[in-house]
Amino acid sequence: MEKYFNAFLDSLMGTLNWTWKSILFDVPWYTNYFWGIIVLSVLVWILEISFPWRKNQAVFRKDFWLDAFYIFFNFFLFVIAISGFYKLLELMFLDIGIPSDTLTLINLQEWPPFLQLLVFFVLLDFVQWFTHMLLHRYAFLWEFHKVHHSVKEMGFAAHMRYHWMENLFYKPLKTFAVMVLGGFEPEQAYIVHFFAIAIGHLNHSNIKLTWGPLKYIFNNPVMHLYHHAYELPEGKKNGVNYGISLSLWDYIFKTDYIPEDSGLVPLGYEGDDEMPTGFFGQLFHGFRYKKKNKKPLV
């Protein structure tokens, strides 16, 4: 037990120390999420102010500060709190004879760095697309995902308004994707992760971007707005446009939907008026799960 306790504490303190060093600019710039996310958020916000898609939307839109707090909670406070538990899982797998390279299907060690990044990015995005689809398809998972869909006005910070339980759903599958790829270094993962954050910020922003012909590859604000639409097309009541960074999965699996691009579509979901408006209310939302809601959202 002492081994597990020490590993838990070391991981917790290590993550806390890394965050503090990031604040002090004492880590490599490409791994500095703290200031990186702040700079990225300010840049996208300036673009929203300069080139607003929905011109009647206020600069400080509805729930702006709530979503801004979610950025720091989900990316730093919660990550610090949960880091020790992931270390415990790693140790437990090792102790029962399952090393991290057991699931390796593709060894990228000898591949060119750019190709390694590309393969990792595509695989990780597909895993996230699949997980995102499950959050909409099963009512128990949807209860937590409702927090993200309670956004009524889109802006960059809405990207980070999501229930902390979603980290627990996404993280194991993302870790599985990393284990499948042997020889992939953590620094490379930082680059891919931050690129995905940048796309996510843009997708939720009040900016009209479609990427032209590249819209069939990359997700965009117009496409993602309809993912948050209050009214969904007939036959697609589980949702549309699940893409995280890439839109191609939606086109491949026929979950794409972009009827027009005015940007004026109402957002939310039926019953969203029951969602708590404050952070702490949303923090515990989803645990009072009713049996009558156990059926999938079909």
Protein backbone atom coordinates (compact mmCIF):
# COMPACT_ATOMS: atom_id res chain seq x y z
CA MET A 1 0.00 0.00 0.00
CA GLU A 2 2.88 2.36 0.74
CA LYS A 3 4.10 2.04 -2.85
CA TYR A 4 0.70 3.07 -4.18
CA PHE A 5 0.33 5.91 -1.71
CA ASN A 6 3.77 7.31 -2.57
CA ALA A 7 3.11 6.99 -6.31
CA PHE A 8 -0.24 8.78 -5.89
CA LEU A 9 1.33 11.59 -3.86
CA ASP A 10 4.35 11.94 -6.19
CA SER A 11 2.12 12.20 -9.23
CA LEU A 12 -0.17 14.71 -7.55
CA MET A 13 2.72 16.90 -6.40
CA GLY A 14 4.49 16.51 -9.73
CA THR A 15 1.47 17.82 -11.64
CA LEU A 16 1.03 20.66 -9.15
CA ASN A 17 4.72 21.54 -9.45
CA TRP A 18 4.58 21.41 -13.25
CA THR A 19 1.63 23.81 -13.25
CA TRP A 20 3.45 26.20 -10.93
CA LYS A 21 6.58 26.04 -13.09
CA SER A 22 4.40 26.76 -16.12
CA ILE A 23 3.09 29.90 -14.44
CA LEU A 24 6.70 30.97 -13.82
CA PHE A 25 7.74 30.20 -17.45
CA ASP A 26 10.06 27.48 -16.17
CA VAL A 27 9.05 24.80 -18.71
CA PRO A 28 9.62 24.50 -22.49
CA TRP A 29 7.30 26.91 -24.30
CA TYR A 30 5.59 24.16 -26.31
CA THR A 31 4.56 22.37 -23.10
CA ASN A 32 3.32 25.49 -21.30
CA TYR A 33 -0.43 24.96 -21.32
CA PHE A 34 -1.07 27.61 -18.69
CA TRP A 35 0.10 30.65 -20.64
CA GLY A 36 -0.50 28.95 -23.97
CA ILE A 37 -4.24 28.65 -23.31
CA ILE A 38 -4.42 32.22 -22.01
CA VAL A 39 -2.68 33.60 -25.11
CA LEU A 40 -4.78 31.43 -27.42
CA SER A 41 -8.02 32.48 -25.67
CA VAL A 42 -7.17 36.19 -25.91
CA LEU A 43 -6.25 35.88 -29.61
CA VAL A 44 -9.49 34.08 -30.53
CA TRP A 45 -11.50 36.53 -28.42
CA ILE A 46 -9.90 39.46 -30.30
CA LEU A 47 -10.91 37.77 -33.57
CA GLU A 48 -14.47 37.39 -32.24
CA ILE A 49 -14.59 41.09 -31.37
CA SER A 50 -13.05 42.16 -34.69
CA PHE A 51 -15.01 39.83 -36.99
CA PRO A 52 -18.22 38.83 -35.16
CA TRP A 53 -20.45 36.35 -36.96
CA ARG A 54 -23.50 37.06 -34.79
CA LYS A 55 -23.21 40.85 -34.59
CA ASN A 56 -25.98 41.23 -32.00
CA GLN A 57 -24.04 39.07 -29.51
CA ALA A 58 -22.33 41.02 -26.72
CA VAL A 59 -18.56 40.96 -26.33
CA PHE A 60 -19.14 39.60 -22.83
CA ARG A 61 -21.78 37.14 -23.97
CA LYS A 62 -24.12 35.21 -21.69
CA ASP A 63 -22.12 33.08 -19.18
CA PHE A 64 -18.77 34.42 -20.46
CA TRP A 65 -17.16 34.41 -17.01
CA LEU A 66 -18.61 31.02 -16.08
CA ASP A 67 -17.03 29.49 -19.19
CA ALA A 68 -13.77 31.33 -18.54
CA PHE A 69 -13.61 29.72 -15.09
CA TYR A 70 -14.27 26.30 -16.67
CA ILE A 71 -11.08 26.74 -18.70
CA PHE A 72 -8.98 26.86 -15.54
CA PHE A 73 -11.00 24.27 -13.67
CA ASN A 74 -11.00 21.58 -16.36
CA PHE A 75 -7.46 22.14 -17.58
CA PHE A 76 -5.64 22.74 -14.33
CA LEU A 77 -7.52 22.27 -11.05
CA PHE A 78 -9.21 19.01 -12.01
CA VAL A 79 -6.13 17.63 -13.79
CA ILE A 80 -4.06 18.20 -10.65
CA ALA A 81 -6.70 16.51 -8.50
CA ILE A 82 -7.08 13.44 -10.73
CA SER A 83 -3.44 12.90 -11.79
CA GLY A 84 -2.67 10.63 -8.85
CA PHE A 85 -5.50 8.23 -9.71
CA TYR A 86 -4.20 7.72 -13.24
CA LYS A 87 -0.78 6.88 -11.80
CA LEU A 88 -2.41 4.29 -9.55
CA LEU A 89 -4.06 2.66 -12.57
CA GLU A 90 -0.72 2.52 -14.37
CA LEU A 91 0.92 0.81 -11.39
CA MET A 92 -1.94 -1.66 -11.03
CA PHE A 93 -1.65 -2.68 -14.69
CA LEU A 94 2.08 -3.24 -14.25
CA ASP A 95 1.58 -5.27 -11.08
CA ILE A 96 -0.86 -7.64 -12.78
CA GLY A 97 1.52 -8.12 -15.68
CA ILE A 98 0.18 -5.69 -18.27
CA PRO A 99 3.03 -3.30 -19.26
CA SER A 100 2.22 -0.17 -21.28
CA ASP A 101 3.58 -1.65 -24.51
CA THR A 102 1.29 -4.71 -24.41
CA LEU A 103 -1.27 -3.13 -26.72
CA THR A 104 1.24 -1.65 -29.18
CA LEU A 105 0.05 -2.32 -32.72
CA ILE A 106 2.10 0.28 -34.59
CA ASN A 107 5.63 1.23 -33.58
CA LEU A 108 6.30 4.80 -34.70
CA GLN A 109 9.83 4.99 -33.35
CA GLU A 110 11.50 4.85 -36.77
CA TRP A 111 8.93 7.01 -38.54
CA PRO A 112 9.61 10.69 -39.47
CA PRO A 113 8.45 13.04 -36.69
CA PHE A 114 5.81 14.73 -38.86
CA LEU A 115 4.27 11.39 -39.82
CA GLN A 116 4.23 10.31 -36.17
CA LEU A 117 2.34 13.49 -35.24
CA LEU A 118 -0.11 13.03 -38.09
CA VAL A 119 -0.92 9.39 -37.24
CA PHE A 120 -1.31 10.21 -33.54
CA PHE A 121 -3.53 13.22 -34.30
CA VAL A 122 -5.85 11.27 -36.62
CA LEU A 123 -6.14 8.26 -34.29
CA LEU A 124 -6.75 10.41 -31.23
CA ASP A 125 -9.37 12.47 -33.02
CA PHE A 126 -11.27 9.36 -34.11
CA VAL A 127 -11.28 8.07 -30.52
CA GLN A 128 -12.64 11.41 -29.34
CA TRP A 129 -15.27 11.48 -32.10
CA PHE A 130 -16.41 8.00 -31.08
CA THR A 131 -16.51 8.92 -27.38
CA HIS A 132 -18.41 12.09 -28.17
CA MET A 133 -21.00 10.07 -30.09
CA LEU A 134 -21.46 7.81 -27.06
CA LEU A 135 -22.08 10.85 -24.84
CA HIS A 136 -25.07 11.66 -27.04
CA ARG A 137 -26.32 8.13 -27.61
CA TYR A 138 -26.65 6.86 -24.04
CA ALA A 139 -28.86 8.74 -21.61
CA PHE A 140 -26.64 8.18 -18.56
CA LEU A 141 -23.67 9.77 -20.36
CA TRP A 142 -25.86 12.48 -21.89
CA GLU A 143 -26.84 13.69 -18.41
CA PHE A 144 -23.23 14.81 -17.87
CA HIS A 145 -22.78 16.10 -21.42
CA LYS A 146 -25.82 18.32 -20.98
CA VAL A 147 -23.57 20.77 -19.11
CA HIS A 148 -21.68 21.48 -22.33
CA HIS A 149 -24.89 21.77 -24.33
CA SER A 150 -26.43 24.23 -21.86
CA VAL A 151 -24.49 26.98 -23.68
CA LYS A 152 -27.01 29.46 -25.11
CA GLU A 153 -24.57 31.82 -26.84
CA MET A 154 -21.44 30.46 -28.50
CA GLY A 155 -17.99 31.88 -27.85
CA PHE A 156 -14.46 30.47 -27.60
CA ALA A 157 -14.67 29.74 -23.86
CA ALA A 158 -17.76 27.56 -24.36
CA HIS A 159 -15.24 24.99 -25.62
CA MET A 160 -14.22 24.31 -22.03
CA ARG A 161 -17.62 24.24 -20.37
CA TYR A 162 -17.98 20.52 -19.80
CA HIS A 163 -18.67 18.30 -16.80
CA TRP A 164 -15.58 16.94 -15.05
CA MET A 165 -16.93 13.39 -15.52
CA GLU A 166 -16.24 13.76 -19.24
CA ASN A 167 -12.53 13.69 -18.43
CA LEU A 168 -13.09 10.24 -16.93
CA PHE A 169 -14.84 9.06 -20.09
CA TYR A 170 -12.35 10.49 -22.57
CA LYS A 171 -9.07 9.86 -20.75
CA PRO A 172 -9.06 6.01 -20.71
CA LEU A 173 -9.85 5.81 -24.43
CA LYS A 174 -7.26 8.48 -25.25
CA THR A 175 -4.71 6.58 -23.16
CA PHE A 176 -5.60 3.40 -25.06
CA ALA A 177 -4.90 5.24 -28.34
CA VAL A 178 -1.46 6.26 -27.05
CA MET A 179 -0.69 2.68 -25.98
CA VAL A 180 -1.52 1.40 -29.47
CA LEU A 181 1.23 3.62 -30.89
CA GLY A 182 4.66 2.58 -29.66
CA GLY A 183 7.64 4.96 -29.63
CA PHE A 184 5.56 8.12 -29.35
CA GLU A 185 7.16 10.71 -27.06
CA PRO A 186 5.20 12.87 -24.56
CA GLU A 187 6.54 16.12 -26.07
CA GLN A 188 4.95 15.22 -29.38
CA ALA A 189 1.65 14.62 -27.62
CA TYR A 190 1.78 18.15 -26.21
CA ILE A 191 1.97 19.59 -29.74
CA VAL A 192 -0.99 17.53 -30.97
CA HIS A 193 -3.04 18.34 -27.88
CA PHE A 194 -2.51 22.09 -28.13
CA PHE A 195 -3.33 22.07 -31.85
CA ALA A 196 -6.62 20.34 -30.98
CA ILE A 197 -7.34 22.97 -28.30
CA ALA A 198 -6.83 25.74 -30.86
CA ILE A 199 -9.29 24.12 -33.27
CA GLY A 200 -11.78 23.60 -30.43
CA HIS A 201 -11.58 27.28 -29.45
CA LEU A 202 -12.25 28.32 -33.04
CA ASN A 203 -15.11 25.83 -33.46
CA HIS A 204 -16.97 27.39 -30.53
CA SER A 205 -16.11 30.98 -31.42
CA ASN A 206 -18.36 33.71 -32.77
CA ILE A 207 -16.45 33.71 -36.06
CA LYS A 208 -17.73 32.51 -39.40
CA LEU A 209 -15.14 30.06 -40.74
CA THR A 210 -15.74 27.16 -43.09
CA TRP A 211 -12.16 26.47 -44.34
CA GLY A 212 -13.47 26.26 -47.91
CA PRO A 213 -12.73 22.88 -49.53
CA LEU A 214 -10.96 21.82 -46.32
CA LYS A 215 -14.32 21.77 -44.52
CA TYR A 216 -14.56 18.08 -45.44
CA ILE A 217 -11.43 17.46 -43.36
CA PHE A 218 -11.43 20.03 -40.53
CA ASN A 219 -14.29 20.87 -38.22
CA ASN A 220 -15.38 24.52 -38.23
CA PRO A 221 -17.61 26.99 -36.33
CA VAL A 222 -20.48 26.73 -38.83
CA MET A 223 -20.57 22.94 -38.64
CA HIS A 224 -20.18 22.84 -34.87
CA LEU A 225 -22.92 25.42 -34.29
CA TYR A 226 -25.43 22.87 -35.59
CA HIS A 227 -24.07 20.32 -33.15
CA HIS A 228 -25.37 22.67 -30.43
CA ALA A 229 -28.67 23.45 -32.19
CA TYR A 230 -31.83 23.20 -30.08
CA GLU A 231 -33.76 21.54 -32.90
CA LEU A 232 -32.12 18.61 -34.68
CA PRO A 233 -33.15 17.13 -38.03
CA GLU A 234 -35.63 14.28 -38.15
CA GLY A 235 -33.93 10.91 -37.85
CA LYS A 236 -30.86 12.38 -36.12
CA LYS A 237 -32.21 13.03 -32.64
CA ASN A 238 -29.06 11.65 -31.04
CA GLY A 239 -27.11 14.53 -32.55
CA VAL A 240 -25.09 15.62 -35.56
CA ASN A 241 -21.58 16.89 -36.31
CA TYR A 242 -19.73 15.06 -33.53
CA GLY A 243 -16.31 16.02 -34.91
CA ILE A 244 -13.72 17.35 -32.49
CA SER A 245 -10.90 18.57 -34.74
CA LEU A 246 -11.73 16.65 -37.91
CA SER A 247 -15.05 16.74 -39.73
CA LEU A 248 -14.24 13.80 -42.01
CA TRP A 249 -15.63 11.22 -39.53
CA ASP A 250 -19.05 12.86 -39.75
CA TYR A 251 -18.98 12.79 -43.53
CA ILE A 252 -17.80 9.17 -43.55
CA PHE A 253 -20.44 7.97 -41.05
CA LYS A 254 -23.23 10.23 -42.36
CA THR A 255 -23.66 12.30 -39.21
CA ASP A 256 -22.98 15.63 -40.96
CA TYR A 257 -25.60 18.37 -41.10
CA ILE A 258 -25.25 21.99 -42.27
CA PRO A 259 -28.58 23.29 -43.63
CA GLU A 260 -27.52 26.97 -43.80
CA ASP A 261 -24.97 29.34 -42.29
CA SER A 262 -26.77 32.37 -40.85
CA GLY A 263 -25.48 31.63 -37.36
CA LEU A 264 -28.86 32.52 -35.85
CA VAL A 265 -29.98 29.02 -34.88
CA PRO A 266 -31.26 28.69 -31.25
CA LEU A 267 -28.93 26.64 -29.04
CA GLY A 268 -29.48 24.16 -26.21
CA TYR A 269 -31.73 21.14 -25.78
CA GLU A 270 -35.25 20.37 -24.62
CA GLY A 271 -35.42 20.91 -20.86
CA ASP A 272 -32.23 22.98 -20.65
CA ASP A 273 -34.04 25.41 -18.36
CA GLU A 274 -33.62 22.80 -15.60
CA MET A 275 -29.81 22.98 -15.81
CA PRO A 276 -28.30 24.83 -12.81
CA THR A 277 -26.91 28.20 -13.88
CA GLY A 278 -24.02 28.26 -11.40
CA PHE A 279 -20.73 26.35 -11.47
CA PHE A 280 -21.30 24.29 -8.32
CA GLY A 281 -24.78 23.26 -9.41
CA GLN A 282 -23.37 22.07 -12.73
CA LEU A 283 -20.47 20.40 -10.93
CA PHE A 284 -22.83 17.83 -9.39
CA HIS A 285 -25.31 17.65 -12.23
CA GLY A 286 -25.93 14.19 -13.69
CA PHE A 287 -25.68 12.14 -10.50
CA ARG A 288 -29.38 12.36 -9.72
CA TYR A 289 -30.07 9.99 -12.56
CA LYS A 290 -33.69 8.93 -13.04
CA LYS A 291 -34.54 5.41 -14.18
CA LYS A 292 -37.11 6.74 -16.63
CA ASN A 293 -34.23 8.33 -18.56
CA LYS A 294 -32.28 5.12 -18.99
CA LYS A 295 -33.36 4.60 -22.58
CA PRO A 296 -31.03 5.87 -25.29
CA LEU A 297 -31.98 9.20 -26.84
CA VAL A 298 -33.80 7.78 -29.86
